[in-house]
PDB file of N, CA and C in Angstrom:
ATOM      1  N   MET A   1       0.942  -1.174   0.036  1.00  0.00           N
ATOM      2  CA  MET A   1      -0.051   0.119  -0.077  1.00  0.00           C
ATOM      3  C   MET A   1       0.698   1.209  -0.013  1.00  0.00           C
ATOM      4  N   ILE A   2       1.820   1.194   0.727  1.00  0.00           N
ATOM      5  CA  ILE A   2       2.832   2.546   0.885  1.00  0.00           C
ATOM      6  C   ILE A   2       3.430   2.655  -0.495  1.00  0.00           C
ATOM      7  N   THR A   3       3.699   1.435  -1.172  1.00  0.00           N
ATOM      8  CA  THR A   3       4.394   1.628  -2.389  1.00  0.00           C
ATOM      9  C   THR A   3       3.632   2.491  -3.485  1.00  0.00           C
ATOM     10  N   THR A   4       2.234   2.323  -3.296  1.00  0.00           N
ATOM     11  CA  THR A   4       1.090   3.093  -4.113  1.00  0.00           C
ATOM     12  C   THR A   4       1.331   4.454  -3.817  1.00  0.00           C
ATOM     13  N   VAL A   5       1.305   4.843  -2.679  1.00  0.00           N
ATOM     14  CA  VAL A   5       1.333   6.228  -2.095  1.00  0.00           C
ATOM     15  C   VAL A   5       2.604   6.913  -2.611  1.00  0.00           C
ATOM     16  N   HIS A   6       3.755   6.111  -2.558  1.00  0.00           N
ATOM     17  CA  HIS A   6       5.113   6.780  -3.042  1.00  0.00           C
ATOM     18  C   HIS A   6       5.187   6.946  -4.533  1.00  0.00           C
ATOM     19  N   TRP A   7       4.313   5.801  -5.041  1.00  0.00           N
ATOM     20  CA  TRP A   7       4.458   5.921  -6.907  1.00  0.00           C
ATOM     21  C   TRP A   7       3.551   6.974  -7.281  1.00  0.00           C
ATOM     22  N   ALA A   8       2.472   7.229  -6.654  1.00  0.00           N
ATOM     23  CA  ALA A   8       1.484   8.459  -6.952  1.00  0.00           C
ATOM     24  C   ALA A   8       2.255   9.735  -6.830  1.00  0.00           C
ATOM     25  N   GLN A   9       3.108   9.922  -5.980  1.00  0.00           N
ATOM     26  CA  GLN A   9       3.753  11.266  -5.985  1.00  0.00           C
ATOM     27  C   GLN A   9       4.705  11.620  -7.096  1.00  0.00           C
ATOM     28  N   GLN A  10       4.981  10.481  -7.781  1.00  0.00           N
ATOM     29  CA  GLN A  10       5.998  10.693  -8.757  1.00  0.00           C
ATOM     30  C   GLN A  10       5.552  10.490 -10.133  1.00  0.00           C
ATOM     31  N   HIS A  11       4.332   9.934 -10.405  1.00  0.00           N
ATOM     32  CA  HIS A  11       3.703   9.670 -11.682  1.00  0.00           C
ATOM     33  C   HIS A  11       2.559  10.450 -12.056  1.00  0.00           C
ATOM     34  N   SER A  12       2.137  10.543 -13.390  1.00  0.00           N
ATOM     35  CA  SER A  12       0.873  11.125 -13.528  1.00  0.00           C
ATOM     36  C   SER A  12       0.169  10.358 -14.322  1.00  0.00           C
ATOM     37  N   ALA A  13       0.243   8.982 -14.465  1.00  0.00           N
ATOM     38  CA  ALA A  13      -0.562   7.966 -15.249  1.00  0.00           C
ATOM     39  C   ALA A  13      -2.012   8.180 -14.762  1.00  0.00           C
ATOM     40  N   GLU A  14      -3.117   7.922 -15.476  1.00  0.00           N
ATOM     41  CA  GLU A  14      -4.436   7.842 -15.018  1.00  0.00           C
ATOM     42  C   GLU A  14      -4.568   6.619 -14.543  1.00  0.00           C
ATOM     43  N   VAL A  15      -5.092   6.645 -13.201  1.00  0.00           N
ATOM     44  CA  VAL A  15      -5.501   5.547 -12.319  1.00  0.00           C
ATOM     45  C   VAL A  15      -6.905   5.694 -11.928  1.00  0.00           C
ATOM     46  N   ALA A  16      -7.693   4.750 -12.235  1.00  0.00           N
ATOM     47  CA  ALA A  16      -9.083   4.668 -11.865  1.00  0.00           C
ATOM     48  C   ALA A  16      -9.379   4.781 -10.410  1.00  0.00           C
ATOM     49  N   GLY A  17      -8.524   4.105  -9.550  1.00  0.00           N
ATOM     50  CA  GLY A  17      -8.614   4.193  -8.141  1.00  0.00           C
ATOM     51  C   GLY A  17      -7.922   3.091  -7.484  1.00  0.00           C
ATOM     52  N   ALA A  18      -7.792   3.243  -6.133  1.00  0.00           N
ATOM     53  CA  ALA A  18      -6.952   2.261  -5.431  1.00  0.00           C
ATOM     54  C   ALA A  18      -7.600   1.957  -4.052  1.00  0.00           C
ATOM     55  N   LEU A  19      -7.570   0.610  -3.841  1.00  0.00           N
ATOM     56  CA  LEU A  19      -7.835  -0.013  -2.594  1.00  0.00           C
ATOM     57  C   LEU A  19      -6.675  -0.220  -1.654  1.00  0.00           C
ATOM     58  N   LEU A  20      -6.521   0.736  -0.620  1.00  0.00           N
ATOM     59  CA  LEU A  20      -5.375   0.476   0.159  1.00  0.00           C
ATOM     60  C   LEU A  20      -5.723  -0.204   1.633  1.00  0.00           C
ATOM     61  N   ALA A  21      -5.501  -1.510   1.597  1.00  0.00           N
ATOM     62  CA  ALA A  21      -5.888  -2.338   2.847  1.00  0.00           C
ATOM     63  C   ALA A  21      -4.980  -2.314   3.948  1.00  0.00           C
ATOM     64  N   THR A  22      -5.424  -1.956   5.073  1.00  0.00           N
ATOM     65  CA  THR A  22      -4.524  -2.101   6.334  1.00  0.00           C
ATOM     66  C   THR A  22      -3.233  -1.725   6.138  1.00  0.00           C
ATOM     67  N   PRO A  23      -2.869  -0.364   5.600  1.00  0.00           N
ATOM     68  CA  PRO A  23      -1.414  -0.027   5.471  1.00  0.00           C
ATOM     69  C   PRO A  23      -0.787   0.119   6.817  1.00  0.00           C
ATOM     70  N   PRO A  24       0.487  -0.084   6.871  1.00  0.00           N
ATOM     71  CA  PRO A  24       1.102   0.176   8.169  1.00  0.00           C
ATOM     72  C   PRO A  24       1.361   1.922   8.272  1.00  0.00           C
ATOM     73  N   ASP A  25       1.446   2.236   9.486  1.00  0.00           N
ATOM     74  CA  ASP A  25       1.814   3.669   9.597  1.00  0.00           C
ATOM     75  C   ASP A  25       3.250   4.103   9.767  1.00  0.00           C
ATOM     76  N   PHE A  26       4.015   3.403  10.223  1.00  0.00           N
ATOM     77  CA  PHE A  26       5.491   3.645  10.371  1.00  0.00           C
ATOM     78  C   PHE A  26       5.663   4.722  11.419  1.00  0.00           C
ATOM     79  N   ALA A  27       4.945   5.103  12.139  1.00  0.00           N
ATOM     80  CA  ALA A  27       4.987   6.218  13.050  1.00  0.00           C
ATOM     81  C   ALA A  27       5.610   5.594  14.297  1.00  0.00           C
ATOM     82  N   THR A  28       5.365   4.556  14.534  1.00  0.00           N
ATOM     83  CA  THR A  28       6.009   3.675  15.906  1.00  0.00           C
ATOM     84  C   THR A  28       6.834   2.468  15.237  1.00  0.00           C
ATOM     85  N   PRO A  29       7.691   2.181  15.967  1.00  0.00           N
ATOM     86  CA  PRO A  29       8.515   0.925  15.375  1.00  0.00           C
ATOM     87  C   PRO A  29       7.607  -0.386  15.192  1.00  0.00           C
ATOM     88  N   LEU A  30       7.768  -1.084  14.187  1.00  0.00           N
ATOM     89  CA  LEU A  30       6.921  -2.254  13.919  1.00  0.00           C
ATOM     90  C   LEU A  30       7.466  -3.444  14.868  1.00  0.00           C
ATOM     91  N   PRO A  31       6.602  -4.373  14.955  1.00  0.00           N
ATOM     92  CA  PRO A  31       6.959  -5.625  15.904  1.00  0.00           C
ATOM     93  C   PRO A  31       8.326  -6.294  15.514  1.00  0.00           C
ATOM     94  N   ASP A  32       8.516  -7.144  16.318  1.00  0.00           N
ATOM     95  CA  ASP A  32       9.899  -7.890  16.033  1.00  0.00           C
ATOM     96  C   ASP A  32       9.723  -8.710  14.755  1.00  0.00           C
ATOM     97  N   GLY A  33      10.773  -8.897  13.924  1.00  0.00           N
ATOM     98  CA  GLY A  33      10.671  -9.548  12.817  1.00  0.00           C
ATOM     99  C   GLY A  33      10.455  -8.607  11.689  1.00  0.00           C
ATOM    100  N   TYR A  34      10.142  -7.415  11.719  1.00  0.00           N
ATOM    101  CA  TYR A  34       9.853  -6.346  10.824  1.00  0.00           C
ATOM    102  C   TYR A  34      10.961  -5.374  10.644  1.00  0.00           C
ATOM    103  N   PRO A  35      11.136  -4.650   9.504  1.00  0.00           N
ATOM    104  CA  PRO A  35      12.293  -3.645   9.461  1.00  0.00           C
ATOM    105  C   PRO A  35      12.289  -2.460  10.560  1.00  0.00           C
ATOM    106  N   THR A  36      13.343  -2.234  11.026  1.00  0.00           N
ATOM    107  CA  THR A  36      13.515  -1.022  12.208  1.00  0.00           C
ATOM    108  C   THR A  36      13.138   0.296  11.246  1.00  0.00           C
ATOM    109  N   PRO A  37      12.954   1.287  12.072  1.00  0.00           N
ATOM    110  CA  PRO A  37      12.762   2.677  11.406  1.00  0.00           C
ATOM    111  C   PRO A  37      13.979   3.103  10.575  1.00  0.00           C
ATOM    112  N   ASP A  38      15.211   2.854  11.142  1.00  0.00           N
ATOM    113  CA  ASP A  38      16.285   3.077  10.154  1.00  0.00           C
ATOM    114  C   ASP A  38      16.250   2.485   8.945  1.00  0.00           C
ATOM    115  N   ALA A  39      16.031   1.063   8.934  1.00  0.00           N
ATOM    116  CA  ALA A  39      16.160   0.414   7.708  1.00  0.00           C
ATOM    117  C   ALA A  39      14.918   0.978   6.804  1.00  0.00           C
ATOM    118  N   LEU A  40      13.853   1.183   7.216  1.00  0.00           N
ATOM    119  CA  LEU A  40      12.803   1.719   6.394  1.00  0.00           C
ATOM    120  C   LEU A  40      13.308   2.963   5.815  1.00  0.00           C
ATOM    121  N   ALA A  41      13.854   3.935   6.599  1.00  0.00           N
ATOM    122  CA  ALA A  41      14.313   5.099   6.019  1.00  0.00           C
ATOM    123  C   ALA A  41      15.400   5.009   5.110  1.00  0.00           C
ATOM    124  N   ASP A  42      16.421   4.127   5.286  1.00  0.00           N
ATOM    125  CA  ASP A  42      17.625   3.686   4.431  1.00  0.00           C
ATOM    126  C   ASP A  42      16.923   3.150   2.963  1.00  0.00           C
ATOM    127  N   HIS A  43      15.912   2.537   3.128  1.00  0.00           N
ATOM    128  CA  HIS A  43      15.451   1.988   1.879  1.00  0.00           C
ATOM    129  C   HIS A  43      14.308   2.767   1.226  1.00  0.00           C
ATOM    130  N   GLY A  44      14.067   4.011   1.636  1.00  0.00           N
ATOM    131  CA  GLY A  44      13.166   4.984   1.021  1.00  0.00           C
ATOM    132  C   GLY A  44      11.538   4.832   1.403  1.00  0.00           C
ATOM    133  N   TRP A  45      11.395   3.887   2.462  1.00  0.00           N
ATOM    134  CA  TRP A  45       9.909   3.777   2.895  1.00  0.00           C
ATOM    135  C   TRP A  45       9.435   4.948   3.550  1.00  0.00           C
ATOM    136  N   THR A  46      10.255   5.639   4.403  1.00  0.00           N
ATOM    137  CA  THR A  46       9.805   6.824   5.052  1.00  0.00           C
ATOM    138  C   THR A  46      10.743   8.022   4.632  1.00  0.00           C
ATOM    139  N   PRO A  47      10.253   9.146   4.583  1.00  0.00           N
ATOM    140  CA  PRO A  47       8.846   9.413   5.353  1.00  0.00           C
ATOM    141  C   PRO A  47       7.774   9.072   4.226  1.00  0.00           C
ATOM    142  N   VAL A  48       6.670   8.564   4.858  1.00  0.00           N
ATOM    143  CA  VAL A  48       5.546   8.386   3.948  1.00  0.00           C
ATOM    144  C   VAL A  48       4.890   9.595   3.502  1.00  0.00           C
ATOM    145  N   PRO A  49       4.648   9.795   2.040  1.00  0.00           N
ATOM    146  CA  PRO A  49       3.926  10.835   1.447  1.00  0.00           C
ATOM    147  C   PRO A  49       2.657  11.133   2.282  1.00  0.00           C
ATOM    148  N   ARG A  50       2.477  12.503   2.356  1.00  0.00           N
ATOM    149  CA  ARG A  50       1.253  12.861   3.028  1.00  0.00           C
ATOM    150  C   ARG A  50       0.174  13.639   2.194  1.00  0.00           C
ATOM    151  N   ALA A  51       0.659  13.954   0.845  1.00  0.00           N
ATOM    152  CA  ALA A  51       0.021  14.749  -0.114  1.00  0.00           C
ATOM    153  C   ALA A  51      -1.342  13.915  -0.617  1.00  0.00           C
ATOM    154  N   PRO A  52      -2.290  14.568  -0.841  1.00  0.00           N
ATOM    155  CA  PRO A  52      -3.553  13.833  -1.505  1.00  0.00           C
ATOM    156  C   PRO A  52      -3.172  13.007  -2.723  1.00  0.00           C
ATOM    157  N   LEU A  53      -3.694  12.040  -2.722  1.00  0.00           N
ATOM    158  CA  LEU A  53      -3.522  11.179  -3.875  1.00  0.00           C
ATOM    159  C   LEU A  53      -4.310  11.711  -5.185  1.00  0.00           C
ATOM    160  N   PRO A  54      -3.946  11.572  -6.409  1.00  0.00           N
ATOM    161  CA  PRO A  54      -4.339  12.152  -7.548  1.00  0.00           C
ATOM    162  C   PRO A  54      -5.693  11.322  -8.208  1.00  0.00           C
ATOM    163  N   PHE A  55      -6.071  10.365  -7.387  1.00  0.00           N
ATOM    164  CA  PHE A  55      -7.157   9.454  -7.880  1.00  0.00           C
ATOM    165  C   PHE A  55      -8.073   8.960  -6.714  1.00  0.00           C
ATOM    166  N   ARG A  56      -9.176   8.587  -6.995  1.00  0.00           N
ATOM    167  CA  ARG A  56     -10.048   7.998  -5.868  1.00  0.00           C
ATOM    168  C   ARG A  56      -9.432   6.876  -5.182  1.00  0.00           C
ATOM    169  N   SER A  57      -9.575   6.874  -3.867  1.00  0.00           N
ATOM    170  CA  SER A  57      -9.103   5.674  -3.010  1.00  0.00           C
ATOM    171  C   SER A  57      -9.995   5.606  -1.716  1.00  0.00           C
ATOM    172  N   ILE A  58      -9.763   4.117  -1.254  1.00  0.00           N
ATOM    173  CA  ILE A  58     -10.385   3.701  -0.140  1.00  0.00           C
ATOM    174  C   ILE A  58      -9.234   3.148   0.810  1.00  0.00           C
ATOM    175  N   VAL A  59      -9.211   3.563   1.872  1.00  0.00           N
ATOM    176  CA  VAL A  59      -8.391   2.934   2.857  1.00  0.00           C
ATOM    177  C   VAL A  59      -9.048   2.086   3.979  1.00  0.00           C
ATOM    178  N   ALA A  60      -8.909   0.762   3.934  1.00  0.00           N
ATOM    179  CA  ALA A  60      -9.540  -0.065   4.895  1.00  0.00           C
ATOM    180  C   ALA A  60      -8.632  -0.411   6.142  1.00  0.00           C
ATOM    181  N   VAL A  61      -9.269   0.165   7.172  1.00  0.00           N
ATOM    182  CA  VAL A  61      -8.359   0.158   8.484  1.00  0.00           C
ATOM    183  C   VAL A  61      -8.902  -0.631   9.422  1.00  0.00           C
ATOM    184  N   SER A  62      -8.060  -1.388  10.282  1.00  0.00           N
ATOM    185  CA  SER A  62      -8.395  -2.278  11.302  1.00  0.00           C
ATOM    186  C   SER A  62      -8.198  -1.732  12.665  1.00  0.00           C
ATOM    187  N   ALA A  63      -9.068  -1.976  13.610  1.00  0.00           N
ATOM    188  CA  ALA A  63      -8.953  -1.451  14.921  1.00  0.00           C
ATOM    189  C   ALA A  63      -7.808  -2.053  15.638  1.00  0.00           C
ATOM    190  N   ASN A  64      -7.386  -3.191  15.388  1.00  0.00           N
ATOM    191  CA  ASN A  64      -6.395  -3.972  16.064  1.00  0.00           C
ATOM    192  C   ASN A  64      -5.035  -4.297  15.364  1.00  0.00           C
ATOM    193  N   ASP A  65      -4.852  -3.454  14.185  1.00  0.00           N
ATOM    194  CA  ASP A  65      -3.678  -3.977  13.421  1.00  0.00           C
ATOM    195  C   ASP A  65      -2.276  -3.799  14.060  1.00  0.00           C
ATOM    196  N   PRO A  66      -1.399  -4.864  14.174  1.00  0.00           N
ATOM    197  CA  PRO A  66      -0.180  -4.632  14.859  1.00  0.00           C
ATOM    198  C   PRO A  66       0.880  -3.597  14.058  1.00  0.00           C
ATOM    199  N   LEU A  67       0.597  -3.512  12.844  1.00  0.00           N
ATOM    200  CA  LEU A  67       1.338  -2.698  12.060  1.00  0.00           C
ATOM    201  C   LEU A  67       0.840  -1.193  11.752  1.00  0.00           C
ATOM    202  N   GLY A  68      -0.116  -1.085  12.241  1.00  0.00           N
ATOM    203  CA  GLY A  68      -0.594   0.591  12.006  1.00  0.00           C
ATOM    204  C   GLY A  68      -1.749   0.704  13.140  1.00  0.00           C
ATOM    205  N   SER A  69      -1.607   1.867  13.831  1.00  0.00           N
ATOM    206  CA  SER A  69      -2.496   2.217  14.893  1.00  0.00           C
ATOM    207  C   SER A  69      -3.828   2.813  14.038  1.00  0.00           C
ATOM    208  N   PHE A  70      -4.908   2.507  14.545  1.00  0.00           N
ATOM    209  CA  PHE A  70      -6.024   3.005  13.934  1.00  0.00           C
ATOM    210  C   PHE A  70      -6.091   4.537  13.656  1.00  0.00           C
ATOM    211  N   ALA A  71      -5.693   5.346  14.766  1.00  0.00           N
ATOM    212  CA  ALA A  71      -5.604   6.777  14.589  1.00  0.00           C
ATOM    213  C   ALA A  71      -4.590   7.311  13.673  1.00  0.00           C
ATOM    214  N   GLN A  72      -3.462   6.659  13.481  1.00  0.00           N
ATOM    215  CA  GLN A  72      -2.416   7.073  12.588  1.00  0.00           C
ATOM    216  C   GLN A  72      -2.957   6.680  11.069  1.00  0.00           C
ATOM    217  N   VAL A  73      -3.485   5.609  10.953  1.00  0.00           N
ATOM    218  CA  VAL A  73      -3.706   5.079   9.600  1.00  0.00           C
ATOM    219  C   VAL A  73      -5.031   6.176   9.152  1.00  0.00           C
ATOM    220  N   VAL A  74      -5.986   6.463   9.884  1.00  0.00           N
ATOM    221  CA  VAL A  74      -7.134   7.331   9.740  1.00  0.00           C
ATOM    222  C   VAL A  74      -6.488   8.550   9.270  1.00  0.00           C
ATOM    223  N   GLU A  75      -5.452   8.892   9.905  1.00  0.00           N
ATOM    224  CA  GLU A  75      -4.884  10.263   9.808  1.00  0.00           C
ATOM    225  C   GLU A  75      -4.059  10.344   8.191  1.00  0.00           C
ATOM    226  N   LEU A  76      -3.608   9.282   7.927  1.00  0.00           N
ATOM    227  CA  LEU A  76      -2.876   9.064   6.680  1.00  0.00           C
ATOM    228  C   LEU A  76      -3.942   9.184   5.539  1.00  0.00           C
ATOM    229  N   ALA A  77      -4.900   8.362   5.908  1.00  0.00           N
ATOM    230  CA  ALA A  77      -6.185   8.380   4.775  1.00  0.00           C
ATOM    231  C   ALA A  77      -6.715   9.785   4.567  1.00  0.00           C
ATOM    232  N   ARG A  78      -6.953  10.437   5.651  1.00  0.00           N
ATOM    233  CA  ARG A  78      -7.348  11.840   5.475  1.00  0.00           C
ATOM    234  C   ARG A  78      -6.547  12.628   4.687  1.00  0.00           C
ATOM    235  N   ASP A  79      -5.278  12.640   5.014  1.00  0.00           N
ATOM    236  CA  ASP A  79      -4.193  13.386   4.359  1.00  0.00           C
ATOM    237  C   ASP A  79      -4.192  13.119   2.623  1.00  0.00           C
ATOM    238  N   TRP A  80      -4.436  11.750   2.443  1.00  0.00           N
ATOM    239  CA  TRP A  80      -4.332  11.287   1.140  1.00  0.00           C
ATOM    240  C   TRP A  80      -5.699  11.585   0.245  1.00  0.00           C
ATOM    241  N   GLY A  81      -6.801  12.103   1.168  1.00  0.00           N
ATOM    242  CA  GLY A  81      -8.083  12.303   0.364  1.00  0.00           C
ATOM    243  C   GLY A  81      -8.879  10.985   0.325  1.00  0.00           C
ATOM    244  N   SER A  82      -8.514   9.970   0.991  1.00  0.00           N
ATOM    245  CA  SER A  82      -9.049   8.567   0.817  1.00  0.00           C
ATOM    246  C   SER A  82     -10.382   8.348   1.694  1.00  0.00           C
ATOM    247  N   HIS A  83     -11.274   7.752   1.283  1.00  0.00           N
ATOM    248  CA  HIS A  83     -12.574   7.451   2.028  1.00  0.00           C
ATOM    249  C   HIS A  83     -12.032   6.224   2.880  1.00  0.00           C
ATOM    250  N   VAL A  84     -12.278   6.308   4.236  1.00  0.00           N
ATOM    251  CA  VAL A  84     -12.050   5.409   5.234  1.00  0.00           C
ATOM    252  C   VAL A  84     -13.114   4.316   5.579  1.00  0.00           C
ATOM    253  N   VAL A  85     -12.753   3.145   5.344  1.00  0.00           N
ATOM    254  CA  VAL A  85     -13.756   2.029   5.700  1.00  0.00           C
ATOM    255  C   VAL A  85     -13.158   1.226   6.952  1.00  0.00           C
ATOM    256  N   GLU A  86     -13.920   1.407   7.969  1.00  0.00           N
ATOM    257  CA  GLU A  86     -13.482   0.721   9.370  1.00  0.00           C
ATOM    258  C   GLU A  86     -13.879  -0.763   9.303  1.00  0.00           C
ATOM    259  N   LEU A  87     -12.732  -1.610   9.523  1.00  0.00           N
ATOM    260  CA  LEU A  87     -13.065  -3.097   9.402  1.00  0.00           C
ATOM    261  C   LEU A  87     -13.340  -3.629  10.868  1.00  0.00           C
ATOM    262  N   GLY A  88     -13.283  -2.921  11.846  1.00  0.00           N
ATOM    263  CA  GLY A  88     -13.364  -3.547  13.135  1.00  0.00           C
ATOM    264  C   GLY A  88     -12.133  -4.128  13.498  1.00  0.00           C
ATOM    265  N   ALA A  89     -12.135  -5.192  14.368  1.00  0.00           N
ATOM    266  CA  ALA A  89     -10.916  -5.780  14.959  1.00  0.00           C
ATOM    267  C   ALA A  89     -10.565  -6.861  13.743  1.00  0.00           C
ATOM    268  N   ALA A  90      -9.798  -6.648  12.840  1.00  0.00           N
ATOM    269  CA  ALA A  90      -9.564  -7.429  11.590  1.00  0.00           C
ATOM    270  C   ALA A  90      -8.171  -7.609  11.637  1.00  0.00           C
ATOM    271  N   GLY A  91      -7.329  -7.175  12.461  1.00  0.00           N
ATOM    272  CA  GLY A  91      -5.789  -7.453  12.550  1.00  0.00           C
ATOM    273  C   GLY A  91      -5.215  -6.805  11.288  1.00  0.00           C
ATOM    274  N   HIS A  92      -4.183  -7.455  10.911  1.00  0.00           N
ATOM    275  CA  HIS A  92      -3.432  -7.044   9.540  1.00  0.00           C
ATOM    276  C   HIS A  92      -3.994  -7.951   8.509  1.00  0.00           C
ATOM    277  N   LEU A  93      -4.327  -7.363   7.373  1.00  0.00           N
ATOM    278  CA  LEU A  93      -4.852  -8.287   6.350  1.00  0.00           C
ATOM    279  C   LEU A  93      -3.616  -8.806   5.477  1.00  0.00           C
ATOM    280  N   ASN A  94      -3.083 -10.009   5.908  1.00  0.00           N
ATOM    281  CA  ASN A  94      -2.161 -10.879   5.144  1.00  0.00           C
ATOM    282  C   ASN A  94      -2.301 -12.144   5.535  1.00  0.00           C
ATOM    283  N   PRO A  95      -1.485 -13.060   4.806  1.00  0.00           N
ATOM    284  CA  PRO A  95      -1.540 -14.476   4.992  1.00  0.00           C
ATOM    285  C   PRO A  95      -1.098 -14.802   6.443  1.00  0.00           C
ATOM    286  N   ALA A  96      -0.150 -13.982   6.875  1.00  0.00           N
ATOM    287  CA  ALA A  96       0.527 -14.400   8.241  1.00  0.00           C
ATOM    288  C   ALA A  96      -0.572 -14.335   9.416  1.00  0.00           C
ATOM    289  N   SER A  97      -1.488 -13.446   9.097  1.00  0.00           N
ATOM    290  CA  SER A  97      -2.668 -13.225  10.111  1.00  0.00           C
ATOM    291  C   SER A  97      -3.824 -14.160   9.792  1.00  0.00           C
ATOM    292  N   GLY A  98      -3.688 -15.352   8.734  1.00  0.00           N
ATOM    293  CA  GLY A  98      -4.680 -16.232   8.553  1.00  0.00           C
ATOM    294  C   GLY A  98      -5.696 -15.564   7.388  1.00  0.00           C
ATOM    295  N   TYR A  99      -5.360 -14.754   6.568  1.00  0.00           N
ATOM    296  CA  TYR A  99      -6.001 -14.215   5.665  1.00  0.00           C
ATOM    297  C   TYR A  99      -5.626 -14.780   4.310  1.00  0.00           C
ATOM    298  N   GLY A 100      -6.902 -15.450   3.582  1.00  0.00           N
ATOM    299  CA  GLY A 100      -6.570 -15.862   2.191  1.00  0.00           C
ATOM    300  C   GLY A 100      -7.416 -14.888   1.318  1.00  0.00           C
ATOM    301  N   PRO A 101      -8.348 -15.398   0.411  1.00  0.00           N
ATOM    302  CA  PRO A 101      -9.309 -14.632  -0.291  1.00  0.00           C
ATOM    303  C   PRO A 101     -10.157 -13.787   0.698  1.00  0.00           C
ATOM    304  N   TRP A 102     -10.427 -12.572   0.190  1.00  0.00           N
ATOM    305  CA  TRP A 102     -10.997 -11.527   1.010  1.00  0.00           C
ATOM    306  C   TRP A 102     -12.069 -10.812   0.229  1.00  0.00           C
ATOM    307  N   PRO A 103     -13.331 -11.710   0.303  1.00  0.00           N
ATOM    308  CA  PRO A 103     -14.500 -11.151  -0.501  1.00  0.00           C
ATOM    309  C   PRO A 103     -14.822  -9.723  -0.244  1.00  0.00           C
ATOM    310  N   ARG A 104     -14.642  -9.104   0.867  1.00  0.00           N
ATOM    311  CA  ARG A 104     -15.060  -7.684   1.113  1.00  0.00           C
ATOM    312  C   ARG A 104     -14.208  -6.918   0.319  1.00  0.00           C
ATOM    313  N   ALA A 105     -12.982  -7.221  -0.295  1.00  0.00           N
ATOM    314  CA  ALA A 105     -12.217  -6.473  -1.132  1.00  0.00           C
ATOM    315  C   ALA A 105     -13.050  -6.260  -2.717  1.00  0.00           C
ATOM    316  N   GLU A 106     -13.821  -7.364  -2.935  1.00  0.00           N
ATOM    317  CA  GLU A 106     -14.616  -7.090  -4.205  1.00  0.00           C
ATOM    318  C   GLU A 106     -15.727  -6.051  -3.897  1.00  0.00           C
ATOM    319  N   GLU A 107     -16.360  -6.050  -2.815  1.00  0.00           N
ATOM    320  CA  GLU A 107     -17.390  -4.868  -2.482  1.00  0.00           C
ATOM    321  C   GLU A 107     -16.751  -3.555  -2.603  1.00  0.00           C
ATOM    322  N   LEU A 108     -15.594  -3.488  -1.967  1.00  0.00           N
ATOM    323  CA  LEU A 108     -14.818  -2.114  -1.840  1.00  0.00           C
ATOM    324  C   LEU A 108     -14.443  -1.590  -3.281  1.00  0.00           C
ATOM    325  N   LEU A 109     -13.961  -2.537  -4.083  1.00  0.00           N
ATOM    326  CA  LEU A 109     -13.524  -2.182  -5.647  1.00  0.00           C
ATOM    327  C   LEU A 109     -14.632  -1.771  -6.370  1.00  0.00           C
ATOM    328  N   HIS A 110     -15.889  -2.610  -5.943  1.00  0.00           N
ATOM    329  CA  HIS A 110     -17.117  -2.082  -6.623  1.00  0.00           C
ATOM    330  C   HIS A 110     -17.499  -0.629  -6.343  1.00  0.00           C
ATOM    331  N   ASP A 111     -17.344  -0.469  -5.012  1.00  0.00           N
ATOM    332  CA  ASP A 111     -17.608   1.115  -4.594  1.00  0.00           C
ATOM    333  C   ASP A 111     -16.700   1.991  -5.299  1.00  0.00           C
ATOM    334  N   LEU A 112     -15.345   1.663  -5.275  1.00  0.00           N
ATOM    335  CA  LEU A 112     -14.464   2.590  -6.024  1.00  0.00           C
ATOM    336  C   LEU A 112     -14.856   2.709  -7.567  1.00  0.00           C
ATOM    337  N   GLU A 113     -15.212   1.801  -8.290  1.00  0.00           N
ATOM    338  CA  GLU A 113     -15.881   1.774  -9.580  1.00  0.00           C
ATOM    339  C   GLU A 113     -16.945   2.516  -9.749  1.00  0.00           C
ATOM    340  N   HIS A 114     -17.822   2.310  -9.003  1.00  0.00           N
ATOM    341  CA  HIS A 114     -19.347   2.770  -9.160  1.00  0.00           C
ATOM    342  C   HIS A 114     -19.851   3.938  -8.081  1.00  0.00           C
ATOM    343  N   GLY A 115     -18.912   4.046  -7.217  1.00  0.00           N
ATOM    344  CA  GLY A 115     -19.326   5.215  -6.058  1.00  0.00           C
ATOM    345  C   GLY A 115     -18.950   6.445  -6.395  1.00  0.00           C
TER     346      GLY A 115
END
């Protein structure tokens, strides 16, 4: 998700929209096993761009994501001009958290396309 935000700041290609599901916030150190703040900065991941995205977007945010606090991710979404969808206590949406196919994504993509 953060790759999309970095890309959008440097390119002007026409994009219909983006679904950004449970992005990390990088404002606080990530759990053990994830990159350190210094490693994130050294590899260009931080600072995370805060400028509005030049296309429609939805940020799906979890109340208990270990990689991004709810308040921080909502703040990022607002800075990007994204519509916020609260998922409740969904954790982080990745295979390590037990997620496989995520039917809700189809609904959110439909909202992006037709909303």
